[in-house]
C-alpha atoms as a PDB file:
ATOM      1  CA  ALA A   1      -5.942 -26.368   6.995  1.00  0.00           C
ATOM      2  CA  GLY A   2      -3.728 -28.215   9.414  1.00  0.00           C
ATOM      3  CA  LYS A   3      -4.599 -31.602   8.282  1.00  0.00           C
ATOM      4  CA  LEU A   4      -0.973 -32.669   7.321  1.00  0.00           C
ATOM      5  CA  THR A   5       1.918 -32.302   9.760  1.00  0.00           C
ATOM      6  CA  SER A   6       5.473 -31.089   8.619  1.00  0.00           C
ATOM      7  CA  ALA A   7       6.911 -34.421   9.684  1.00  0.00           C
ATOM      8  CA  ALA A   8       7.977 -36.728   6.977  1.00  0.00           C
ATOM      9  CA  THR A   9       5.635 -39.517   6.197  1.00  0.00           C
ATOM     10  CA  LYS A  10       7.051 -43.001   5.330  1.00  0.00           C
ATOM     11  CA  LEU A  11       5.105 -46.141   4.373  1.00  0.00           C
ATOM     12  CA  PRO A  12       6.177 -49.396   5.534  1.00  0.00           C
ATOM     13  CA  GLY A  13       8.069 -51.246   2.771  1.00  0.00           C
ATOM     14  CA  GLY A  14       8.436 -47.982   0.809  1.00  0.00           C
ATOM     15  CA  HIS A  15      11.254 -49.186  -1.302  1.00  0.00           C
ATOM     16  CA  MET A  16       9.347 -52.348  -2.375  1.00  0.00           C
ATOM     17  CA  LEU A  17       6.235 -50.332  -3.169  1.00  0.00           C
ATOM     18  CA  ASN A  18       8.320 -47.824  -5.358  1.00  0.00           C
ATOM     19  CA  ALA A  19       9.970 -50.880  -7.267  1.00  0.00           C
ATOM     20  CA  GLY A  20       6.394 -52.432  -7.776  1.00  0.00           C
ATOM     21  CA  ALA A  21       4.970 -49.226  -9.010  1.00  0.00           C
ATOM     22  CA  ALA A  22       7.943 -48.868 -11.386  1.00  0.00           C
ATOM     23  CA  ALA A  23       7.682 -52.451 -12.596  1.00  0.00           C
ATOM     24  CA  LEU A  24       3.944 -51.827 -13.051  1.00  0.00           C
ATOM     25  CA  SER A  25       4.686 -48.784 -15.094  1.00  0.00           C
ATOM     26  CA  LEU A  26       7.048 -50.691 -17.274  1.00  0.00           C
ATOM     27  CA  ILE A  27       4.540 -53.534 -17.842  1.00  0.00           C
ATOM     28  CA  THR A  28       1.651 -51.093 -18.508  1.00  0.00           C
ATOM     29  CA  LEU A  29       3.915 -49.123 -21.027  1.00  0.00           C
ATOM     30  CA  ILE A  30       4.647 -52.381 -22.963  1.00  0.00           C
ATOM     31  CA  TRP A  31       0.878 -53.210 -22.759  1.00  0.00           C
ATOM     32  CA  TYR A  32      -0.108 -49.769 -23.894  1.00  0.00           C
ATOM     33  CA  PHE A  33       2.116 -49.975 -26.884  1.00  0.00           C
ATOM     34  CA  ASN A  34       0.814 -53.312 -27.950  1.00  0.00           C
ATOM     35  CA  THR A  35      -2.733 -52.623 -27.494  1.00  0.00           C
ATOM     36  CA  GLY A  36      -3.423 -48.852 -27.314  1.00  0.00           C
ATOM     37  CA  GLY A  37      -6.186 -49.259 -24.869  1.00  0.00           C
ATOM     38  CA  VAL A  38      -7.287 -46.892 -22.217  1.00  0.00           C
ATOM     39  CA  LEU A  39      -6.914 -49.406 -19.253  1.00  0.00           C
ATOM     40  CA  PRO A  40      -3.120 -49.638 -19.421  1.00  0.00           C
ATOM     41  CA  LEU A  41      -2.987 -45.786 -19.776  1.00  0.00           C
ATOM     42  CA  PHE A  42      -5.182 -45.479 -16.736  1.00  0.00           C
ATOM     43  CA  LEU A  43      -3.193 -47.970 -14.682  1.00  0.00           C
ATOM     44  CA  MET A  44       0.059 -46.032 -15.551  1.00  0.00           C
ATOM     45  CA  VAL A  45      -1.367 -42.881 -14.420  1.00  0.00           C
ATOM     46  CA  LEU A  46      -2.358 -44.350 -11.121  1.00  0.00           C
ATOM     47  CA  ALA A  47       1.159 -45.775 -10.643  1.00  0.00           C
ATOM     48  CA  ALA A  48       2.678 -42.350 -11.486  1.00  0.00           C
ATOM     49  CA  LEU A  49       0.454 -40.614  -8.987  1.00  0.00           C
ATOM     50  CA  PHE A  50       1.510 -43.083  -6.313  1.00  0.00           C
ATOM     51  CA  ILE A  51       5.143 -42.585  -6.995  1.00  0.00           C
ATOM     52  CA  GLY A  52       4.820 -38.965  -7.054  1.00  0.00           C
ATOM     53  CA  TYR A  53       2.941 -38.922  -3.835  1.00  0.00           C
ATOM     54  CA  HIS A  54       5.172 -41.346  -2.095  1.00  0.00           C
ATOM     55  CA  LEU A  55       8.375 -39.440  -3.063  1.00  0.00           C
ATOM     56  CA  ILE A  56       7.114 -36.097  -1.936  1.00  0.00           C
ATOM     57  CA  MET A  57       5.410 -37.136   1.292  1.00  0.00           C
ATOM     58  CA  GLY A  58       8.927 -38.614   2.421  1.00  0.00           C
ATOM     59  CA  ILE A  59      10.176 -35.173   2.698  1.00  0.00           C
ATOM     60  CA  GLY A  60       9.693 -32.908   5.766  1.00  0.00           C
ATOM     61  CA  GLY A  61       8.257 -29.517   5.691  1.00  0.00           C
ATOM     62  CA  ALA A  62      11.432 -27.640   5.986  1.00  0.00           C
ATOM     63  CA  ASP A  63      12.920 -29.196   2.810  1.00  0.00           C
ATOM     64  CA  MET A  64       9.757 -28.377   0.732  1.00  0.00           C
ATOM     65  CA  PRO A  65      11.524 -25.343  -1.061  1.00  0.00           C
ATOM     66  CA  VAL A  66      14.001 -28.020  -2.351  1.00  0.00           C
ATOM     67  CA  VAL A  67      11.192 -30.151  -3.559  1.00  0.00           C
ATOM     68  CA  VAL A  68       9.554 -27.109  -5.451  1.00  0.00           C
ATOM     69  CA  SER A  69      12.915 -26.344  -7.003  1.00  0.00           C
ATOM     70  CA  MET A  70      13.393 -30.022  -8.116  1.00  0.00           C
ATOM     71  CA  LEU A  71       9.868 -30.206  -9.717  1.00  0.00           C
ATOM     72  CA  ASN A  72      10.724 -26.730 -11.496  1.00  0.00           C
ATOM     73  CA  SER A  73      13.815 -28.392 -12.707  1.00  0.00           C
ATOM     74  CA  TYR A  74      11.822 -31.358 -14.107  1.00  0.00           C
ATOM     75  CA  SER A  75       9.560 -29.161 -15.863  1.00  0.00           C
ATOM     76  CA  GLY A  76      12.471 -27.343 -17.499  1.00  0.00           C
ATOM     77  CA  TRP A  77      13.964 -30.642 -18.673  1.00  0.00           C
ATOM     78  CA  ALA A  78      10.495 -31.759 -20.017  1.00  0.00           C
ATOM     79  CA  ALA A  79      10.305 -28.518 -21.921  1.00  0.00           C
ATOM     80  CA  ALA A  80      13.944 -28.919 -23.499  1.00  0.00           C
ATOM     81  CA  ALA A  81      13.037 -32.468 -24.464  1.00  0.00           C
ATOM     82  CA  ILE A  82       9.658 -31.212 -26.200  1.00  0.00           C
ATOM     83  CA  GLY A  83      11.960 -28.530 -27.763  1.00  0.00           C
ATOM     84  CA  PHE A  84      14.147 -31.278 -29.363  1.00  0.00           C
ATOM     85  CA  SER A  85      11.135 -33.295 -30.576  1.00  0.00           C
ATOM     86  CA  LEU A  86       9.527 -30.254 -32.248  1.00  0.00           C
ATOM     87  CA  GLY A  87      12.828 -28.853 -33.497  1.00  0.00           C
ATOM     88  CA  ASN A  88      12.238 -25.537 -31.470  1.00  0.00           C
ATOM     89  CA  ASP A  89      15.546 -24.066 -30.620  1.00  0.00           C
ATOM     90  CA  LEU A  90      14.120 -21.456 -28.222  1.00  0.00           C
ATOM     91  CA  LEU A  91      12.180 -24.080 -26.180  1.00  0.00           C
ATOM     92  CA  ILE A  92      15.373 -26.195 -25.920  1.00  0.00           C
ATOM     93  CA  VAL A  93      17.465 -23.262 -24.640  1.00  0.00           C
ATOM     94  CA  VAL A  94      14.681 -21.970 -22.129  1.00  0.00           C
ATOM     95  CA  GLY A  95      13.953 -25.550 -21.002  1.00  0.00           C
ATOM     96  CA  ALA A  96      17.662 -26.207 -20.427  1.00  0.00           C
ATOM     97  CA  LEU A  97      18.040 -22.897 -18.527  1.00  0.00           C
ATOM     98  CA  VAL A  98      15.068 -23.699 -16.280  1.00  0.00           C
ATOM     99  CA  GLY A  99      16.129 -27.287 -15.797  1.00  0.00           C
ATOM    100  CA  SER A 100      19.720 -26.510 -14.901  1.00  0.00           C
ATOM    101  CA  SER A 101      18.841 -23.607 -12.578  1.00  0.00           C
ATOM    102  CA  GLY A 102      16.350 -25.833 -10.729  1.00  0.00           C
ATOM    103  CA  ALA A 103      18.900 -28.570 -10.466  1.00  0.00           C
ATOM    104  CA  ILE A 104      21.502 -26.090  -9.176  1.00  0.00           C
ATOM    105  CA  LEU A 105      19.139 -24.680  -6.584  1.00  0.00           C
ATOM    106  CA  SER A 106      18.135 -28.182  -5.582  1.00  0.00           C
ATOM    107  CA  TYR A 107      21.797 -29.002  -4.631  1.00  0.00           C
ATOM    108  CA  ILE A 108      22.747 -25.726  -2.946  1.00  0.00           C
END
């Protein structure tokens, strides 16, 4: 306990690091679709972990409820997308409700 401060943490050159991680994700996506190997999937997971960590650590402690609301919104939109792919109307509606409520709470 007490190992992290509530101050926002920024890495030097953060925008370039995010752009590099996004480019790496795109390259590994194409690589994975062409080969189906485990290595590009593993590299994509590492890039996603870095992007997630870097985006969340740049937010101070007082804004953390907004982050939780935003992540809740993302899970709702993902559930709605899965509902479309599965043809499940209930999952589409519930996912859209969760996603839109999280998005509204993030902007209040």
